[in-house]
Amino acid sequence: MADVSVVLPSVLQPLAGGQSVLTASADGALTVAGLLDTVTGDYPALSRRLRDETGAVRRFVNIYVNGNEIRRLQGLSTEVLPGQEVLIIQSVAGG
């Protein structure tokens, strides 16, 4: 059994108890949606920041699986294999 790592940017770390990486155990492939459900289970504020009330990834949040943006793959149905890394980047607007 291998873990899947979810790397969080510093702006999201306070919503995850200060952690920069969240991990989930994976016996086989997970979807991005299933992975997010698992790693945000204890962090509802983080879950709300990443996805809207319909479960869709928020517009200003980009999620990468092994360097590929999930919107260019299968979105939340994108497969994540054990040992892969998922990177979450939140766009920050300036003014």
N, C-alpha and C. Protein backbone atom coordinates (compact mmCIF):
# COMPACT_ATOMS: atom_id res chain seq x y z
N MET A 1 0.85 -1.18 0.00
CA MET A 1 0.00 0.00 0.00
C MET A 1 0.89 1.24 0.00
N ALA A 2 0.61 2.15 -0.93
CA ALA A 2 1.41 3.37 -1.04
C ALA A 2 0.53 4.57 -0.74
N ASP A 3 1.18 5.63 -0.34
CA ASP A 3 0.46 6.86 -0.05
C ASP A 3 0.42 7.76 -1.28
N VAL A 4 -0.59 8.61 -1.30
CA VAL A 4 -0.68 9.70 -2.27
C VAL A 4 -0.50 10.98 -1.47
N SER A 5 0.37 11.85 -1.94
CA SER A 5 0.65 13.11 -1.25
C SER A 5 -0.10 14.24 -1.93
N VAL A 6 -0.71 15.11 -1.10
CA VAL A 6 -1.37 16.31 -1.60
C VAL A 6 -0.59 17.49 -1.02
N VAL A 7 0.07 18.24 -1.91
CA VAL A 7 0.91 19.36 -1.49
C VAL A 7 0.07 20.64 -1.53
N LEU A 8 0.07 21.35 -0.39
CA LEU A 8 -0.74 22.56 -0.25
C LEU A 8 0.14 23.81 -0.29
N PRO A 9 -0.35 24.88 -0.92
CA PRO A 9 0.39 26.15 -0.88
C PRO A 9 0.27 26.77 0.52
N SER A 10 1.17 27.68 0.82
CA SER A 10 1.19 28.26 2.17
C SER A 10 -0.12 28.94 2.53
N VAL A 11 -0.84 29.50 1.56
CA VAL A 11 -2.10 30.19 1.85
C VAL A 11 -3.18 29.23 2.35
N LEU A 12 -3.09 27.96 1.99
CA LEU A 12 -4.09 26.97 2.42
C LEU A 12 -3.67 26.18 3.66
N GLN A 13 -2.41 26.23 4.02
CA GLN A 13 -1.92 25.43 5.14
C GLN A 13 -2.62 25.70 6.47
N PRO A 14 -2.97 26.96 6.79
CA PRO A 14 -3.70 27.18 8.06
C PRO A 14 -5.03 26.43 8.12
N LEU A 15 -5.64 26.15 6.96
CA LEU A 15 -6.92 25.44 6.92
C LEU A 15 -6.74 23.93 7.10
N ALA A 16 -5.48 23.49 7.07
CA ALA A 16 -5.16 22.06 7.22
C ALA A 16 -4.30 21.83 8.45
N GLY A 17 -4.57 22.59 9.50
CA GLY A 17 -3.81 22.42 10.74
C GLY A 17 -2.35 22.78 10.61
N GLY A 18 -2.03 23.64 9.64
CA GLY A 18 -0.64 24.06 9.46
C GLY A 18 0.20 23.11 8.63
N GLN A 19 -0.39 22.03 8.13
CA GLN A 19 0.38 21.05 7.37
C GLN A 19 0.59 21.51 5.92
N SER A 20 1.77 21.20 5.38
CA SER A 20 2.05 21.54 3.99
C SER A 20 1.75 20.37 3.06
N VAL A 21 1.69 19.16 3.62
CA VAL A 21 1.40 17.96 2.82
C VAL A 21 0.39 17.11 3.58
N LEU A 22 -0.67 16.70 2.88
CA LEU A 22 -1.64 15.76 3.43
C LEU A 22 -1.47 14.46 2.67
N THR A 23 -1.61 13.33 3.35
CA THR A 23 -1.44 12.05 2.67
C THR A 23 -2.68 11.18 2.84
N ALA A 24 -2.88 10.34 1.84
CA ALA A 24 -3.97 9.37 1.88
C ALA A 24 -3.39 8.03 1.47
N SER A 25 -3.80 6.98 2.15
CA SER A 25 -3.38 5.64 1.78
C SER A 25 -4.20 5.18 0.59
N ALA A 26 -3.54 4.51 -0.33
CA ALA A 26 -4.23 4.05 -1.53
C ALA A 26 -3.84 2.61 -1.83
N ASP A 27 -4.84 1.72 -1.83
CA ASP A 27 -4.60 0.34 -2.23
C ASP A 27 -4.50 0.26 -3.75
N GLY A 28 -5.28 1.08 -4.41
CA GLY A 28 -5.30 1.13 -5.87
C GLY A 28 -5.53 2.56 -6.28
N ALA A 29 -6.01 2.74 -7.48
CA ALA A 29 -6.23 4.09 -8.00
C ALA A 29 -7.39 4.77 -7.27
N LEU A 30 -7.24 6.04 -7.06
CA LEU A 30 -8.29 6.90 -6.52
C LEU A 30 -8.64 7.92 -7.61
N THR A 31 -9.76 8.56 -7.47
CA THR A 31 -10.03 9.73 -8.31
C THR A 31 -9.62 10.96 -7.51
N VAL A 32 -9.44 12.07 -8.20
CA VAL A 32 -9.13 13.31 -7.51
C VAL A 32 -10.24 13.64 -6.52
N ALA A 33 -11.50 13.43 -6.92
CA ALA A 33 -12.63 13.71 -6.02
C ALA A 33 -12.53 12.87 -4.76
N GLY A 34 -12.28 11.58 -4.90
CA GLY A 34 -12.16 10.69 -3.75
C GLY A 34 -10.99 11.06 -2.86
N LEU A 35 -9.88 11.44 -3.48
CA LEU A 35 -8.71 11.87 -2.73
C LEU A 35 -9.01 13.13 -1.92
N LEU A 36 -9.66 14.11 -2.55
CA LEU A 36 -10.01 15.34 -1.83
C LEU A 36 -10.96 15.04 -0.68
N ASP A 37 -11.93 14.15 -0.90
CA ASP A 37 -12.85 13.76 0.17
C ASP A 37 -12.07 13.19 1.36
N THR A 38 -11.09 12.36 1.06
CA THR A 38 -10.30 11.70 2.11
C THR A 38 -9.44 12.69 2.88
N VAL A 39 -8.66 13.51 2.17
CA VAL A 39 -7.71 14.37 2.87
C VAL A 39 -8.34 15.59 3.50
N THR A 40 -9.54 15.99 3.05
CA THR A 40 -10.18 17.16 3.66
C THR A 40 -11.24 16.77 4.68
N GLY A 41 -11.40 15.49 4.94
CA GLY A 41 -12.42 15.02 5.87
C GLY A 41 -12.35 15.67 7.24
N ASP A 42 -11.14 15.90 7.73
CA ASP A 42 -10.95 16.52 9.03
C ASP A 42 -10.83 18.04 8.95
N TYR A 43 -10.88 18.57 7.73
CA TYR A 43 -10.67 20.01 7.52
C TYR A 43 -11.77 20.59 6.64
N PRO A 44 -12.99 20.76 7.19
CA PRO A 44 -14.11 21.25 6.38
C PRO A 44 -13.86 22.63 5.75
N ALA A 45 -13.12 23.49 6.42
CA ALA A 45 -12.84 24.81 5.85
C ALA A 45 -11.97 24.68 4.60
N LEU A 46 -11.04 23.76 4.61
CA LEU A 46 -10.20 23.50 3.44
C LEU A 46 -11.05 22.94 2.30
N SER A 47 -11.94 22.02 2.63
CA SER A 47 -12.83 21.44 1.62
C SER A 47 -13.66 22.53 0.94
N ARG A 48 -14.21 23.45 1.73
CA ARG A 48 -15.03 24.54 1.17
C ARG A 48 -14.20 25.50 0.33
N ARG A 49 -12.93 25.65 0.66
CA ARG A 49 -12.07 26.55 -0.10
C ARG A 49 -11.71 25.95 -1.47
N LEU A 50 -11.67 24.61 -1.53
CA LEU A 50 -11.28 23.94 -2.78
C LEU A 50 -12.44 23.69 -3.72
N ARG A 51 -13.61 23.37 -3.14
CA ARG A 51 -14.76 23.03 -3.99
C ARG A 51 -15.99 23.80 -3.55
N ASP A 52 -16.87 24.06 -4.52
CA ASP A 52 -18.10 24.78 -4.20
C ASP A 52 -19.17 23.82 -3.68
N GLU A 53 -20.36 24.35 -3.45
CA GLU A 53 -21.43 23.54 -2.85
C GLU A 53 -21.91 22.41 -3.76
N THR A 54 -21.58 22.49 -5.07
CA THR A 54 -21.96 21.40 -5.98
C THR A 54 -20.86 20.33 -6.06
N GLY A 55 -19.71 20.60 -5.42
CA GLY A 55 -18.60 19.66 -5.45
C GLY A 55 -17.58 19.96 -6.53
N ALA A 56 -17.85 20.97 -7.36
CA ALA A 56 -16.92 21.34 -8.43
C ALA A 56 -15.72 22.10 -7.86
N VAL A 57 -14.57 21.93 -8.51
CA VAL A 57 -13.38 22.67 -8.11
C VAL A 57 -13.63 24.15 -8.37
N ARG A 58 -13.31 24.96 -7.39
CA ARG A 58 -13.52 26.41 -7.54
C ARG A 58 -12.62 26.95 -8.67
N ARG A 59 -13.11 28.00 -9.30
CA ARG A 59 -12.44 28.55 -10.48
C ARG A 59 -10.99 28.97 -10.19
N PHE A 60 -10.72 29.49 -9.01
CA PHE A 60 -9.39 30.00 -8.68
C PHE A 60 -8.46 28.94 -8.09
N VAL A 61 -8.90 27.68 -8.10
CA VAL A 61 -8.08 26.59 -7.58
C VAL A 61 -7.65 25.71 -8.75
N ASN A 62 -6.35 25.47 -8.83
CA ASN A 62 -5.81 24.57 -9.86
C ASN A 62 -5.21 23.35 -9.16
N ILE A 63 -5.55 22.19 -9.68
CA ILE A 63 -5.07 20.93 -9.11
C ILE A 63 -4.30 20.18 -10.19
N TYR A 64 -3.10 19.75 -9.83
CA TYR A 64 -2.21 19.05 -10.76
C TYR A 64 -1.93 17.64 -10.26
N VAL A 65 -2.01 16.68 -11.16
CA VAL A 65 -1.63 15.30 -10.86
C VAL A 65 -0.39 15.02 -11.69
N ASN A 66 0.73 14.78 -11.00
CA ASN A 66 2.02 14.58 -11.67
C ASN A 66 2.30 15.64 -12.73
N GLY A 67 2.01 16.90 -12.38
CA GLY A 67 2.34 18.01 -13.25
C GLY A 67 1.29 18.36 -14.29
N ASN A 68 0.21 17.60 -14.38
CA ASN A 68 -0.83 17.86 -15.37
C ASN A 68 -2.07 18.43 -14.70
N GLU A 69 -2.55 19.55 -15.19
CA GLU A 69 -3.73 20.21 -14.62
C GLU A 69 -4.96 19.36 -14.90
N ILE A 70 -5.75 19.08 -13.85
CA ILE A 70 -6.86 18.13 -14.00
C ILE A 70 -7.93 18.62 -14.96
N ARG A 71 -8.06 19.93 -15.17
CA ARG A 71 -9.07 20.43 -16.12
C ARG A 71 -8.73 20.01 -17.54
N ARG A 72 -7.45 19.70 -17.79
CA ARG A 72 -7.03 19.24 -19.11
C ARG A 72 -7.05 17.72 -19.19
N LEU A 73 -7.35 17.09 -18.08
CA LEU A 73 -7.45 15.62 -18.04
C LEU A 73 -8.93 15.27 -17.91
N GLN A 74 -9.29 14.52 -16.87
CA GLN A 74 -10.69 14.15 -16.66
C GLN A 74 -11.32 14.87 -15.47
N GLY A 75 -10.78 16.04 -15.12
CA GLY A 75 -11.34 16.80 -14.01
C GLY A 75 -11.27 16.02 -12.71
N LEU A 76 -12.34 16.07 -11.92
CA LEU A 76 -12.36 15.37 -10.63
C LEU A 76 -12.35 13.86 -10.79
N SER A 77 -12.61 13.36 -12.00
CA SER A 77 -12.56 11.92 -12.26
C SER A 77 -11.17 11.44 -12.65
N THR A 78 -10.21 12.37 -12.71
CA THR A 78 -8.83 12.00 -13.04
C THR A 78 -8.31 10.99 -12.03
N GLU A 79 -7.68 9.95 -12.54
CA GLU A 79 -7.16 8.88 -11.69
C GLU A 79 -5.85 9.30 -11.03
N VAL A 80 -5.71 8.96 -9.76
CA VAL A 80 -4.48 9.20 -9.01
C VAL A 80 -3.99 7.83 -8.54
N LEU A 81 -2.78 7.49 -8.92
CA LEU A 81 -2.23 6.18 -8.57
C LEU A 81 -1.40 6.28 -7.29
N PRO A 82 -1.28 5.17 -6.56
CA PRO A 82 -0.42 5.18 -5.37
C PRO A 82 0.98 5.67 -5.72
N GLY A 83 1.51 6.52 -4.85
CA GLY A 83 2.84 7.06 -5.06
C GLY A 83 2.88 8.36 -5.84
N GLN A 84 1.76 8.75 -6.44
CA GLN A 84 1.74 10.00 -7.19
C GLN A 84 1.57 11.19 -6.26
N GLU A 85 1.92 12.35 -6.77
CA GLU A 85 1.80 13.59 -6.01
C GLU A 85 0.75 14.49 -6.65
N VAL A 86 -0.09 15.08 -5.81
CA VAL A 86 -1.10 16.03 -6.26
C VAL A 86 -0.73 17.39 -5.69
N LEU A 87 -0.68 18.38 -6.55
CA LEU A 87 -0.31 19.72 -6.14
C LEU A 87 -1.52 20.63 -6.30
N ILE A 88 -1.83 21.38 -5.26
CA ILE A 88 -2.93 22.33 -5.31
C ILE A 88 -2.35 23.73 -5.29
N ILE A 89 -2.79 24.53 -6.25
CA ILE A 89 -2.35 25.92 -6.31
C ILE A 89 -3.58 26.80 -6.33
N GLN A 90 -3.60 27.80 -5.45
CA GLN A 90 -4.71 28.73 -5.41
C GLN A 90 -4.23 30.04 -6.03
N SER A 91 -4.97 30.51 -7.04
CA SER A 91 -4.64 31.79 -7.66
C SER A 91 -4.85 32.90 -6.64
N VAL A 92 -3.94 33.86 -6.63
CA VAL A 92 -4.06 34.98 -5.73
C VAL A 92 -4.13 36.25 -6.58
N ALA A 93 -5.22 36.98 -6.44
CA ALA A 93 -5.39 38.21 -7.20
C ALA A 93 -4.79 39.38 -6.44
N GLY A 94 -4.17 40.25 -7.17
CA GLY A 94 -3.58 41.43 -6.55
C GLY A 94 -4.24 42.68 -7.09
N GLY A 95 -3.96 43.79 -6.44
CA GLY A 95 -4.61 45.00 -6.95
C GLY A 95 -3.83 46.22 -6.72
